[in-house]
PDB file of N, CA and C in Angstrom:
ATOM      1  N   MET A   1    -112.455  26.154  82.249  1.00  0.00           N
ATOM      2  CA  MET A   1    -111.112  26.453  81.879  1.00  0.00           C
ATOM      3  C   MET A   1    -110.518  26.387  80.457  1.00  0.00           C
ATOM      4  N   PRO A   2    -110.094  27.421  80.262  1.00  0.00           N
ATOM      5  CA  PRO A   2    -109.786  27.464  78.417  1.00  0.00           C
ATOM      6  C   PRO A   2    -109.255  26.176  78.156  1.00  0.00           C
ATOM      7  N   LYS A   3    -109.499  25.631  76.704  1.00  0.00           N
ATOM      8  CA  LYS A   3    -108.116  24.186  76.745  1.00  0.00           C
ATOM      9  C   LYS A   3    -107.821  25.277  75.432  1.00  0.00           C
ATOM     10  N   PHE A   4    -106.339  24.535  75.673  1.00  0.00           N
ATOM     11  CA  PHE A   4    -105.100  24.727  74.540  1.00  0.00           C
ATOM     12  C   PHE A   4    -104.757  23.300  73.338  1.00  0.00           C
ATOM     13  N   SER A   5    -105.496  22.998  72.845  1.00  0.00           N
ATOM     14  CA  SER A   5    -105.530  21.839  72.148  1.00  0.00           C
ATOM     15  C   SER A   5    -104.218  21.870  70.918  1.00  0.00           C
ATOM     16  N   PHE A   6    -103.878  23.544  70.454  1.00  0.00           N
ATOM     17  CA  PHE A   6    -103.019  23.642  69.684  1.00  0.00           C
ATOM     18  C   PHE A   6    -101.545  23.309  69.968  1.00  0.00           C
ATOM     19  N   PHE A   7    -101.666  22.759  71.376  1.00  0.00           N
ATOM     20  CA  PHE A   7    -100.250  22.597  71.343  1.00  0.00           C
ATOM     21  C   PHE A   7     -99.769  21.322  71.263  1.00  0.00           C
ATOM     22  N   GLU A   8    -100.470  19.947  70.490  1.00  0.00           N
ATOM     23  CA  GLU A   8    -100.651  19.052  70.045  1.00  0.00           C
ATOM     24  C   GLU A   8     -99.106  18.964  69.739  1.00  0.00           C
ATOM     25  N   ASN A   9     -99.029  19.461  68.438  1.00  0.00           N
ATOM     26  CA  ASN A   9     -97.943  19.584  67.671  1.00  0.00           C
ATOM     27  C   ASN A   9     -96.408  20.315  68.413  1.00  0.00           C
ATOM     28  N   GLU A  10     -96.144  20.573  69.363  1.00  0.00           N
ATOM     29  CA  GLU A  10     -94.961  20.881  69.765  1.00  0.00           C
ATOM     30  C   GLU A  10     -93.683  20.430  69.695  1.00  0.00           C
ATOM     31  N   ASP A  11     -92.500  20.824  69.376  1.00  0.00           N
ATOM     32  CA  ASP A  11     -91.397  20.348  69.016  1.00  0.00           C
ATOM     33  C   ASP A  11     -91.086  19.762  70.531  1.00  0.00           C
ATOM     34  N   ARG A  12     -91.038  20.278  72.150  1.00  0.00           N
ATOM     35  CA  ARG A  12     -90.537  19.632  73.143  1.00  0.00           C
ATOM     36  C   ARG A  12     -91.471  19.454  73.984  1.00  0.00           C
ATOM     37  N   VAL A  13     -91.334  17.900  74.138  1.00  0.00           N
ATOM     38  CA  VAL A  13     -92.448  17.026  75.044  1.00  0.00           C
ATOM     39  C   VAL A  13     -91.880  15.971  75.875  1.00  0.00           C
ATOM     40  N   LEU A  14     -92.442  16.009  77.397  1.00  0.00           N
ATOM     41  CA  LEU A  14     -92.108  15.481  78.262  1.00  0.00           C
ATOM     42  C   LEU A  14     -92.781  14.499  78.709  1.00  0.00           C
ATOM     43  N   GLU A  15     -92.355  12.972  79.378  1.00  0.00           N
ATOM     44  CA  GLU A  15     -93.536  12.060  80.141  1.00  0.00           C
ATOM     45  C   GLU A  15     -93.140  12.480  81.104  1.00  0.00           C
ATOM     46  N   PHE A  16     -94.074  11.653  82.185  1.00  0.00           N
ATOM     47  CA  PHE A  16     -94.078  11.778  83.306  1.00  0.00           C
ATOM     48  C   PHE A  16     -94.450  10.326  84.045  1.00  0.00           C
ATOM     49  N   ASN A  17     -93.988   9.955  84.951  1.00  0.00           N
ATOM     50  CA  ASN A  17     -94.584   8.320  85.504  1.00  0.00           C
ATOM     51  C   ASN A  17     -95.570   9.092  86.303  1.00  0.00           C
ATOM     52  N   CYS A  18     -96.577   8.439  86.911  1.00  0.00           N
ATOM     53  CA  CYS A  18     -97.589   8.375  87.189  1.00  0.00           C
ATOM     54  C   CYS A  18     -97.014   8.653  88.998  1.00  0.00           C
ATOM     55  N   GLU A  19     -97.031  10.167  89.828  1.00  0.00           N
ATOM     56  CA  GLU A  19     -96.408  10.522  91.063  1.00  0.00           C
ATOM     57  C   GLU A  19     -95.205  11.693  90.955  1.00  0.00           C
ATOM     58  N   ALA A  20     -94.823  11.361  89.901  1.00  0.00           N
ATOM     59  CA  ALA A  20     -93.700  11.991  89.787  1.00  0.00           C
ATOM     60  C   ALA A  20     -94.042  13.436  89.746  1.00  0.00           C
ATOM     61  N   ILE A  21     -93.098  14.202  90.584  1.00  0.00           N
ATOM     62  CA  ILE A  21     -92.852  15.373  90.369  1.00  0.00           C
ATOM     63  C   ILE A  21     -91.989  16.355  89.419  1.00  0.00           C
ATOM     64  N   ILE A  22     -92.948  17.352  88.890  1.00  0.00           N
ATOM     65  CA  ILE A  22     -92.763  17.679  87.230  1.00  0.00           C
ATOM     66  C   ILE A  22     -91.719  19.572  87.834  1.00  0.00           C
ATOM     67  N   PHE A  23     -92.505  20.041  88.907  1.00  0.00           N
ATOM     68  CA  PHE A  23     -91.683  21.294  89.640  1.00  0.00           C
ATOM     69  C   PHE A  23     -91.997  21.116  91.073  1.00  0.00           C
ATOM     70  N   GLN A  24     -91.319  21.954  92.087  1.00  0.00           N
ATOM     71  CA  GLN A  24     -91.457  22.251  93.234  1.00  0.00           C
ATOM     72  C   GLN A  24     -91.468  24.181  93.464  1.00  0.00           C
ATOM     73  N   GLU A  25     -92.245  24.127  94.093  1.00  0.00           N
ATOM     74  CA  GLU A  25     -92.626  25.388  94.703  1.00  0.00           C
ATOM     75  C   GLU A  25     -91.785  25.745  95.291  1.00  0.00           C
ATOM     76  N   GLY A  26     -91.550  26.836  95.157  1.00  0.00           N
ATOM     77  CA  GLY A  26     -90.135  28.017  95.352  1.00  0.00           C
ATOM     78  C   GLY A  26     -89.133  27.818  94.271  1.00  0.00           C
ATOM     79  N   THR A  27     -89.243  26.878  93.286  1.00  0.00           N
ATOM     80  CA  THR A  27     -87.884  26.949  92.331  1.00  0.00           C
ATOM     81  C   THR A  27     -88.116  27.976  91.406  1.00  0.00           C
ATOM     82  N   PRO A  28     -87.074  28.340  90.389  1.00  0.00           N
ATOM     83  CA  PRO A  28     -87.394  29.035  89.421  1.00  0.00           C
ATOM     84  C   PRO A  28     -88.063  28.624  88.616  1.00  0.00           C
ATOM     85  N   GLY A  29     -88.707  29.155  87.573  1.00  0.00           N
ATOM     86  CA  GLY A  29     -89.945  28.791  86.305  1.00  0.00           C
ATOM     87  C   GLY A  29     -89.461  29.508  85.463  1.00  0.00           C
ATOM     88  N   GLN A  30     -89.118  28.102  84.435  1.00  0.00           N
ATOM     89  CA  GLN A  30     -88.905  28.307  83.060  1.00  0.00           C
ATOM     90  C   GLN A  30     -89.349  28.212  82.042  1.00  0.00           C
ATOM     91  N   ALA A  31     -90.359  27.569  82.280  1.00  0.00           N
ATOM     92  CA  ALA A  31     -91.251  27.190  80.951  1.00  0.00           C
ATOM     93  C   ALA A  31     -92.477  26.607  81.896  1.00  0.00           C
ATOM     94  N   MET A  32     -93.667  26.865  80.843  1.00  0.00           N
ATOM     95  CA  MET A  32     -95.059  26.907  81.323  1.00  0.00           C
ATOM     96  C   MET A  32     -95.468  25.116  80.584  1.00  0.00           C
ATOM     97  N   TYR A  33     -96.550  24.547  80.473  1.00  0.00           N
ATOM     98  CA  TYR A  33     -96.445  23.352  80.302  1.00  0.00           C
ATOM     99  C   TYR A  33     -97.962  23.277  79.961  1.00  0.00           C
ATOM    100  N   ALA A  34     -97.942  22.453  79.084  1.00  0.00           N
ATOM    101  CA  ALA A  34     -99.905  22.011  78.246  1.00  0.00           C
ATOM    102  C   ALA A  34     -99.679  20.352  78.471  1.00  0.00           C
ATOM    103  N   VAL A  35    -101.263  19.774  79.152  1.00  0.00           N
ATOM    104  CA  VAL A  35    -101.094  18.433  79.328  1.00  0.00           C
ATOM    105  C   VAL A  35    -101.428  18.067  77.754  1.00  0.00           C
ATOM    106  N   LEU A  36    -101.042  16.893  77.589  1.00  0.00           N
ATOM    107  CA  LEU A  36    -101.331  16.387  76.159  1.00  0.00           C
ATOM    108  C   LEU A  36    -102.263  15.239  76.569  1.00  0.00           C
ATOM    109  N   GLU A  37    -101.849  14.641  77.683  1.00  0.00           N
ATOM    110  CA  GLU A  37    -101.991  13.312  77.998  1.00  0.00           C
ATOM    111  C   GLU A  37    -102.339  13.395  79.202  1.00  0.00           C
ATOM    112  N   GLY A  38    -102.951  12.709  80.381  1.00  0.00           N
ATOM    113  CA  GLY A  38    -103.142  12.556  81.698  1.00  0.00           C
ATOM    114  C   GLY A  38    -103.495  14.177  82.285  1.00  0.00           C
ATOM    115  N   GLU A  39    -103.696  13.858  83.776  1.00  0.00           N
ATOM    116  CA  GLU A  39    -103.294  14.514  84.621  1.00  0.00           C
ATOM    117  C   GLU A  39    -102.505  14.839  85.714  1.00  0.00           C
ATOM    118  N   VAL A  40    -102.394  16.465  85.899  1.00  0.00           N
ATOM    119  CA  VAL A  40    -101.318  16.617  86.447  1.00  0.00           C
ATOM    120  C   VAL A  40    -102.189  17.678  88.072  1.00  0.00           C
ATOM    121  N   GLU A  41    -101.920  17.285  89.445  1.00  0.00           N
ATOM    122  CA  GLU A  41    -102.088  18.552  90.382  1.00  0.00           C
ATOM    123  C   GLU A  41    -101.031  19.436  90.787  1.00  0.00           C
ATOM    124  N   LEU A  42    -101.881  20.384  91.059  1.00  0.00           N
ATOM    125  CA  LEU A  42    -100.871  21.813  91.711  1.00  0.00           C
ATOM    126  C   LEU A  42    -101.360  21.327  93.272  1.00  0.00           C
ATOM    127  N   GLN A  43    -100.012  21.421  94.009  1.00  0.00           N
ATOM    128  CA  GLN A  43    -100.045  21.619  95.312  1.00  0.00           C
ATOM    129  C   GLN A  43     -99.653  22.619  96.046  1.00  0.00           C
ATOM    130  N   LEU A  44     -99.804  23.493  97.245  1.00  0.00           N
ATOM    131  CA  LEU A  44     -99.925  24.613  98.103  1.00  0.00           C
ATOM    132  C   LEU A  44     -99.468  23.955  98.938  1.00  0.00           C
ATOM    133  N   LYS A  45     -98.044  23.974  99.766  1.00  0.00           N
ATOM    134  CA  LYS A  45     -97.657  23.717 100.650  1.00  0.00           C
ATOM    135  C   LYS A  45     -98.329  22.291 101.243  1.00  0.00           C
ATOM    136  N   GLY A  46     -98.005  21.195 100.389  1.00  0.00           N
ATOM    137  CA  GLY A  46     -98.517  19.636 100.735  1.00  0.00           C
ATOM    138  C   GLY A  46     -99.936  19.500 100.194  1.00  0.00           C
ATOM    139  N   VAL A  47    -101.063  20.442  99.975  1.00  0.00           N
ATOM    140  CA  VAL A  47    -102.357  20.609  99.920  1.00  0.00           C
ATOM    141  C   VAL A  47    -102.275  20.443  98.478  1.00  0.00           C
ATOM    142  N   THR A  48    -103.330  19.453  97.653  1.00  0.00           N
ATOM    143  CA  THR A  48    -103.981  20.053  96.310  1.00  0.00           C
ATOM    144  C   THR A  48    -104.818  20.676  96.490  1.00  0.00           C
ATOM    145  N   VAL A  49    -104.643  22.158  95.381  1.00  0.00           N
ATOM    146  CA  VAL A  49    -105.286  22.880  95.300  1.00  0.00           C
ATOM    147  C   VAL A  49    -105.924  23.389  93.731  1.00  0.00           C
ATOM    148  N   ASN A  50    -105.214  22.189  92.867  1.00  0.00           N
ATOM    149  CA  ASN A  50    -106.212  22.117  91.891  1.00  0.00           C
ATOM    150  C   ASN A  50    -105.840  20.978  90.986  1.00  0.00           C
ATOM    151  N   HIS A  51    -106.652  20.422  89.982  1.00  0.00           N
ATOM    152  CA  HIS A  51    -106.186  19.604  88.681  1.00  0.00           C
ATOM    153  C   HIS A  51    -106.345  19.720  87.711  1.00  0.00           C
ATOM    154  N   VAL A  52    -105.101  19.756  86.796  1.00  0.00           N
ATOM    155  CA  VAL A  52    -104.933  20.212  85.290  1.00  0.00           C
ATOM    156  C   VAL A  52    -105.077  18.944  84.745  1.00  0.00           C
ATOM    157  N   ALA A  53    -106.139  19.488  83.441  1.00  0.00           N
ATOM    158  CA  ALA A  53    -106.494  18.154  82.762  1.00  0.00           C
ATOM    159  C   ALA A  53    -105.778  18.557  81.258  1.00  0.00           C
ATOM    160  N   GLN A  54    -106.520  17.296  80.276  1.00  0.00           N
ATOM    161  CA  GLN A  54    -105.934  17.300  78.859  1.00  0.00           C
ATOM    162  C   GLN A  54    -106.345  18.717  78.275  1.00  0.00           C
ATOM    163  N   HIS A  55    -104.925  19.462  77.668  1.00  0.00           N
ATOM    164  CA  HIS A  55    -106.026  20.497  76.779  1.00  0.00           C
ATOM    165  C   HIS A  55    -105.933  21.592  77.763  1.00  0.00           C
ATOM    166  N   GLU A  56    -105.238  21.527  79.210  1.00  0.00           N
ATOM    167  CA  GLU A  56    -104.869  22.884  79.701  1.00  0.00           C
ATOM    168  C   GLU A  56    -103.801  23.145  80.688  1.00  0.00           C
ATOM    169  N   ILE A  57    -102.821  24.100  80.890  1.00  0.00           N
ATOM    170  CA  ILE A  57    -101.764  24.792  80.582  1.00  0.00           C
ATOM    171  C   ILE A  57    -102.141  24.872  82.235  1.00  0.00           C
ATOM    172  N   PHE A  58    -100.483  24.871  82.805  1.00  0.00           N
ATOM    173  CA  PHE A  58    -100.188  25.179  84.241  1.00  0.00           C
ATOM    174  C   PHE A  58     -98.968  25.447  83.813  1.00  0.00           C
ATOM    175  N   GLY A  59     -98.461  26.283  84.972  1.00  0.00           N
ATOM    176  CA  GLY A  59     -96.484  26.782  85.164  1.00  0.00           C
ATOM    177  C   GLY A  59     -96.700  28.273  84.592  1.00  0.00           C
ATOM    178  N   GLU A  60     -97.640  29.013  84.215  1.00  0.00           N
ATOM    179  CA  GLU A  60     -97.643  30.073  83.100  1.00  0.00           C
ATOM    180  C   GLU A  60     -97.122  31.145  84.189  1.00  0.00           C
ATOM    181  N   MET A  61     -97.556  31.153  85.409  1.00  0.00           N
ATOM    182  CA  MET A  61     -97.544  32.494  86.633  1.00  0.00           C
ATOM    183  C   MET A  61     -96.007  33.080  86.100  1.00  0.00           C
ATOM    184  N   ALA A  62     -94.955  31.970  86.388  1.00  0.00           N
ATOM    185  CA  ALA A  62     -93.679  32.273  86.532  1.00  0.00           C
ATOM    186  C   ALA A  62     -93.007  32.445  85.439  1.00  0.00           C
ATOM    187  N   LEU A  63     -93.884  32.196  83.879  1.00  0.00           N
ATOM    188  CA  LEU A  63     -93.611  33.147  82.813  1.00  0.00           C
ATOM    189  C   LEU A  63     -94.120  34.880  82.896  1.00  0.00           C
ATOM    190  N   VAL A  64     -95.108  34.781  83.003  1.00  0.00           N
ATOM    191  CA  VAL A  64     -95.969  35.846  83.367  1.00  0.00           C
ATOM    192  C   VAL A  64     -95.330  36.841  84.597  1.00  0.00           C
ATOM    193  N   ASP A  65     -94.254  36.867  85.463  1.00  0.00           N
ATOM    194  CA  ASP A  65     -94.190  37.521  86.127  1.00  0.00           C
ATOM    195  C   ASP A  65     -92.059  37.584  86.480  1.00  0.00           C
ATOM    196  N   ASN A  66     -91.826  36.726  85.890  1.00  0.00           N
ATOM    197  CA  ASN A  66     -90.495  35.958  86.333  1.00  0.00           C
ATOM    198  C   ASN A  66     -90.129  35.518  87.449  1.00  0.00           C
ATOM    199  N   SER A  67     -91.269  34.881  88.062  1.00  0.00           N
ATOM    200  CA  SER A  67     -90.879  34.766  89.707  1.00  0.00           C
ATOM    201  C   SER A  67     -90.963  33.065  89.994  1.00  0.00           C
ATOM    202  N   LYS A  68     -90.701  32.690  91.363  1.00  0.00           N
ATOM    203  CA  LYS A  68     -90.534  31.189  91.373  1.00  0.00           C
ATOM    204  C   LYS A  68     -91.739  30.730  91.211  1.00  0.00           C
ATOM    205  N   ARG A  69     -91.884  29.887  91.353  1.00  0.00           N
ATOM    206  CA  ARG A  69     -92.987  28.516  91.184  1.00  0.00           C
ATOM    207  C   ARG A  69     -93.869  29.144  92.699  1.00  0.00           C
ATOM    208  N   SER A  70     -95.017  28.991  92.414  1.00  0.00           N
ATOM    209  CA  SER A  70     -96.111  29.280  93.524  1.00  0.00           C
ATOM    210  C   SER A  70     -96.542  28.154  93.951  1.00  0.00           C
ATOM    211  N   ALA A  71     -96.212  26.995  93.463  1.00  0.00           N
ATOM    212  CA  ALA A  71     -96.837  25.739  93.669  1.00  0.00           C
ATOM    213  C   ALA A  71     -96.196  24.193  93.244  1.00  0.00           C
ATOM    214  N   THR A  72     -96.347  23.438  93.654  1.00  0.00           N
ATOM    215  CA  THR A  72     -95.187  22.395  93.217  1.00  0.00           C
ATOM    216  C   THR A  72     -96.304  21.223  92.214  1.00  0.00           C
ATOM    217  N   ALA A  73     -95.800  21.228  91.190  1.00  0.00           N
ATOM    218  CA  ALA A  73     -97.158  20.246  90.521  1.00  0.00           C
ATOM    219  C   ALA A  73     -96.109  18.753  90.594  1.00  0.00           C
ATOM    220  N   GLN A  74     -97.525  18.113  90.419  1.00  0.00           N
ATOM    221  CA  GLN A  74     -97.006  16.484  90.532  1.00  0.00           C
ATOM    222  C   GLN A  74     -98.140  15.802  89.389  1.00  0.00           C
ATOM    223  N   ALA A  75     -97.718  14.547  88.505  1.00  0.00           N
ATOM    224  CA  ALA A  75     -98.045  14.122  87.893  1.00  0.00           C
ATOM    225  C   ALA A  75     -99.218  13.042  88.346  1.00  0.00           C
ATOM    226  N   ARG A  76    -100.389  13.390  88.327  1.00  0.00           N
ATOM    227  CA  ARG A  76    -101.946  12.863  89.060  1.00  0.00           C
ATOM    228  C   ARG A  76    -101.795  11.239  88.601  1.00  0.00           C
ATOM    229  N   THR A  77    -101.695  11.150  87.214  1.00  0.00           N
ATOM    230  CA  THR A  77    -101.437   9.761  86.212  1.00  0.00           C
ATOM    231  C   THR A  77    -100.256   9.557  85.194  1.00  0.00           C
ATOM    232  N   ASP A  78     -99.675   8.851  84.596  1.00  0.00           N
ATOM    233  CA  ASP A  78     -98.870   9.161  83.309  1.00  0.00           C
ATOM    234  C   ASP A  78     -99.662   9.926  83.014  1.00  0.00           C
ATOM    235  N   CYS A  79     -98.300  11.342  82.732  1.00  0.00           N
ATOM    236  CA  CYS A  79     -98.535  12.208  81.718  1.00  0.00           C
ATOM    237  C   CYS A  79     -97.239  12.807  80.086  1.00  0.00           C
ATOM    238  N   LYS A  80     -98.133  13.246  79.599  1.00  0.00           N
ATOM    239  CA  LYS A  80     -97.633  13.523  78.783  1.00  0.00           C
ATOM    240  C   LYS A  80     -97.770  15.412  78.520  1.00  0.00           C
ATOM    241  N   LEU A  81     -96.317  16.021  78.150  1.00  0.00           N
ATOM    242  CA  LEU A  81     -96.506  17.438  78.718  1.00  0.00           C
ATOM    243  C   LEU A  81     -95.924  18.178  77.484  1.00  0.00           C
ATOM    244  N   ALA A  82     -96.329  19.141  77.006  1.00  0.00           N
ATOM    245  CA  ALA A  82     -95.711  19.813  75.812  1.00  0.00           C
ATOM    246  C   ALA A  82     -94.869  20.973  77.101  1.00  0.00           C
ATOM    247  N   VAL A  83     -93.659  21.332  76.341  1.00  0.00           N
ATOM    248  CA  VAL A  83     -93.234  22.160  77.352  1.00  0.00           C
ATOM    249  C   VAL A  83     -92.937  23.710  76.632  1.00  0.00           C
ATOM    250  N   ILE A  84     -93.165  24.599  77.277  1.00  0.00           N
ATOM    251  CA  ILE A  84     -93.478  25.939  76.241  1.00  0.00           C
ATOM    252  C   ILE A  84     -92.516  26.794  77.265  1.00  0.00           C
ATOM    253  N   ASP A  85     -91.399  27.220  76.447  1.00  0.00           N
ATOM    254  CA  ASP A  85     -90.384  28.006  77.066  1.00  0.00           C
ATOM    255  C   ASP A  85     -90.883  29.459  77.200  1.00  0.00           C
ATOM    256  N   LYS A  86     -89.948  30.174  77.744  1.00  0.00           N
ATOM    257  CA  LYS A  86     -90.137  31.807  77.521  1.00  0.00           C
ATOM    258  C   LYS A  86     -90.257  32.464  76.398  1.00  0.00           C
ATOM    259  N   GLU A  87     -89.004  32.246  75.559  1.00  0.00           N
ATOM    260  CA  GLU A  87     -89.502  32.900  74.135  1.00  0.00           C
ATOM    261  C   GLU A  87     -90.218  32.078  73.302  1.00  0.00           C
ATOM    262  N   ARG A  88     -90.861  30.904  73.538  1.00  0.00           N
ATOM    263  CA  ARG A  88     -92.109  30.497  72.454  1.00  0.00           C
ATOM    264  C   ARG A  88     -93.458  31.410  73.326  1.00  0.00           C
ATOM    265  N   PHE A  89     -93.168  31.309  74.771  1.00  0.00           N
ATOM    266  CA  PHE A  89     -94.435  31.815  75.206  1.00  0.00           C
ATOM    267  C   PHE A  89     -94.295  33.334  74.881  1.00  0.00           C
ATOM    268  N   GLU A  90     -93.537  34.144  74.853  1.00  0.00           N
ATOM    269  CA  GLU A  90     -93.835  35.460  74.433  1.00  0.00           C
ATOM    270  C   GLU A  90     -94.010  35.890  73.073  1.00  0.00           C
ATOM    271  N   TYR A  91     -93.912  34.767  71.929  1.00  0.00           N
ATOM    272  CA  TYR A  91     -94.467  34.637  70.726  1.00  0.00           C
ATOM    273  C   TYR A  91     -95.936  34.320  70.595  1.00  0.00           C
ATOM    274  N   LEU A  92     -96.192  33.621  71.315  1.00  0.00           N
ATOM    275  CA  LEU A  92     -97.606  33.123  71.296  1.00  0.00           C
ATOM    276  C   LEU A  92     -98.157  34.693  71.893  1.00  0.00           C
ATOM    277  N   VAL A  93     -97.968  35.017  72.493  1.00  0.00           N
ATOM    278  CA  VAL A  93     -98.320  36.354  73.128  1.00  0.00           C
ATOM    279  C   VAL A  93     -98.609  37.194  72.227  1.00  0.00           C
ATOM    280  N   GLN A  94     -97.368  37.276  71.541  1.00  0.00           N
ATOM    281  CA  GLN A  94     -97.304  38.563  70.703  1.00  0.00           C
ATOM    282  C   GLN A  94     -98.418  38.147  69.289  1.00  0.00           C
ATOM    283  N   LYS A  95     -98.079  36.744  68.799  1.00  0.00           N
ATOM    284  CA  LYS A  95     -98.524  36.357  67.373  1.00  0.00           C
ATOM    285  C   LYS A  95    -100.002  36.337  67.238  1.00  0.00           C
ATOM    286  N   ARG A  96    -100.472  35.747  68.784  1.00  0.00           N
ATOM    287  CA  ARG A  96    -102.257  35.092  68.629  1.00  0.00           C
ATOM    288  C   ARG A  96    -102.248  35.933  70.402  1.00  0.00           C
ATOM    289  N   PRO A  97    -103.075  36.774  70.020  1.00  0.00           N
ATOM    290  CA  PRO A  97    -103.777  37.458  71.034  1.00  0.00           C
ATOM    291  C   PRO A  97    -105.006  36.447  71.694  1.00  0.00           C
ATOM    292  N   ASP A  98    -105.622  35.410  71.336  1.00  0.00           N
ATOM    293  CA  ASP A  98    -106.650  34.989  71.831  1.00  0.00           C
ATOM    294  C   ASP A  98    -105.141  33.946  72.938  1.00  0.00           C
ATOM    295  N   PHE A  99    -104.438  33.351  72.658  1.00  0.00           N
ATOM    296  CA  PHE A  99    -103.739  32.266  73.705  1.00  0.00           C
ATOM    297  C   PHE A  99    -103.482  33.645  74.599  1.00  0.00           C
ATOM    298  N   ALA A 100    -103.117  34.791  75.022  1.00  0.00           N
ATOM    299  CA  ALA A 100    -102.949  36.057  76.040  1.00  0.00           C
ATOM    300  C   ALA A 100    -104.715  35.944  76.785  1.00  0.00           C
ATOM    301  N   THR A 101    -105.196  36.628  75.881  1.00  0.00           N
ATOM    302  CA  THR A 101    -106.587  36.506  76.504  1.00  0.00           C
ATOM    303  C   THR A 101    -107.089  34.910  77.197  1.00  0.00           C
ATOM    304  N   GLN A 102    -106.614  33.973  76.907  1.00  0.00           N
ATOM    305  CA  GLN A 102    -106.784  32.688  77.603  1.00  0.00           C
ATOM    306  C   GLN A 102    -106.130  32.338  78.941  1.00  0.00           C
ATOM    307  N   VAL A 103    -104.862  32.284  78.936  1.00  0.00           N
ATOM    308  CA  VAL A 103    -103.795  32.640  79.690  1.00  0.00           C
ATOM    309  C   VAL A 103    -104.270  33.781  80.872  1.00  0.00           C
ATOM    310  N   MET A 104    -105.259  34.647  80.681  1.00  0.00           N
ATOM    311  CA  MET A 104    -105.625  35.861  81.451  1.00  0.00           C
ATOM    312  C   MET A 104    -106.447  34.898  82.309  1.00  0.00           C
ATOM    313  N   GLN A 105    -107.357  34.046  81.446  1.00  0.00           N
ATOM    314  CA  GLN A 105    -108.773  33.416  82.142  1.00  0.00           C
ATOM    315  C   GLN A 105    -108.411  32.564  83.324  1.00  0.00           C
ATOM    316  N   VAL A 106    -107.244  31.559  82.712  1.00  0.00           N
ATOM    317  CA  VAL A 106    -106.792  30.199  83.244  1.00  0.00           C
ATOM    318  C   VAL A 106    -106.203  31.340  84.514  1.00  0.00           C
ATOM    319  N   LEU A 107    -105.196  32.237  84.536  1.00  0.00           N
ATOM    320  CA  LEU A 107    -105.112  33.099  86.017  1.00  0.00           C
ATOM    321  C   LEU A 107    -106.078  33.519  86.638  1.00  0.00           C
ATOM    322  N   ALA A 108    -107.529  34.674  86.371  1.00  0.00           N
ATOM    323  CA  ALA A 108    -107.981  34.619  86.989  1.00  0.00           C
ATOM    324  C   ALA A 108    -109.153  33.501  87.502  1.00  0.00           C
ATOM    325  N   GLU A 109    -108.976  32.558  86.546  1.00  0.00           N
ATOM    326  CA  GLU A 109    -109.757  31.543  87.296  1.00  0.00           C
ATOM    327  C   GLU A 109    -109.294  30.507  88.589  1.00  0.00           C
ATOM    328  N   ARG A 110    -108.385  30.659  88.234  1.00  0.00           N
ATOM    329  CA  ARG A 110    -107.478  30.226  89.686  1.00  0.00           C
ATOM    330  C   ARG A 110    -107.305  31.197  90.552  1.00  0.00           C
ATOM    331  N   LEU A 111    -107.408  32.374  90.454  1.00  0.00           N
ATOM    332  CA  LEU A 111    -106.859  33.266  91.628  1.00  0.00           C
ATOM    333  C   LEU A 111    -108.637  33.300  92.299  1.00  0.00           C
ATOM    334  N   ARG A 112    -109.223  33.192  91.572  1.00  0.00           N
ATOM    335  CA  ARG A 112    -111.045  32.870  92.688  1.00  0.00           C
ATOM    336  C   ARG A 112    -110.938  32.112  92.838  1.00  0.00           C
ATOM    337  N   LYS A 113    -110.572  30.384  92.761  1.00  0.00           N
ATOM    338  CA  LYS A 113    -110.158  29.232  93.559  1.00  0.00           C
ATOM    339  C   LYS A 113    -109.761  29.721  94.998  1.00  0.00           C
TER     340      LYS A 113
END
């Protein structure tokens, strides 16, 4: 899985306690997240389908296709997350082609699972 360590200095950072719900499946998605510390699990209909570790991203699909969340994200440990909204996401896609490629790699890997 590609690593996104360049989010360390993002302005918007949220912290979640272990087991906190970050977002729910079926809700509107207005941001993606990069894990700065901790671990997050992604659940589909209550079943864990993926673990997201430090320097990995999640929630990007909602920004790519403007759809509702396809999974629930829950903190597996205490977490510190960088918040990347639609505007920042689009900026990164335009200014950093490597970012867009890495996001596509994440999407492809998750689809293959």
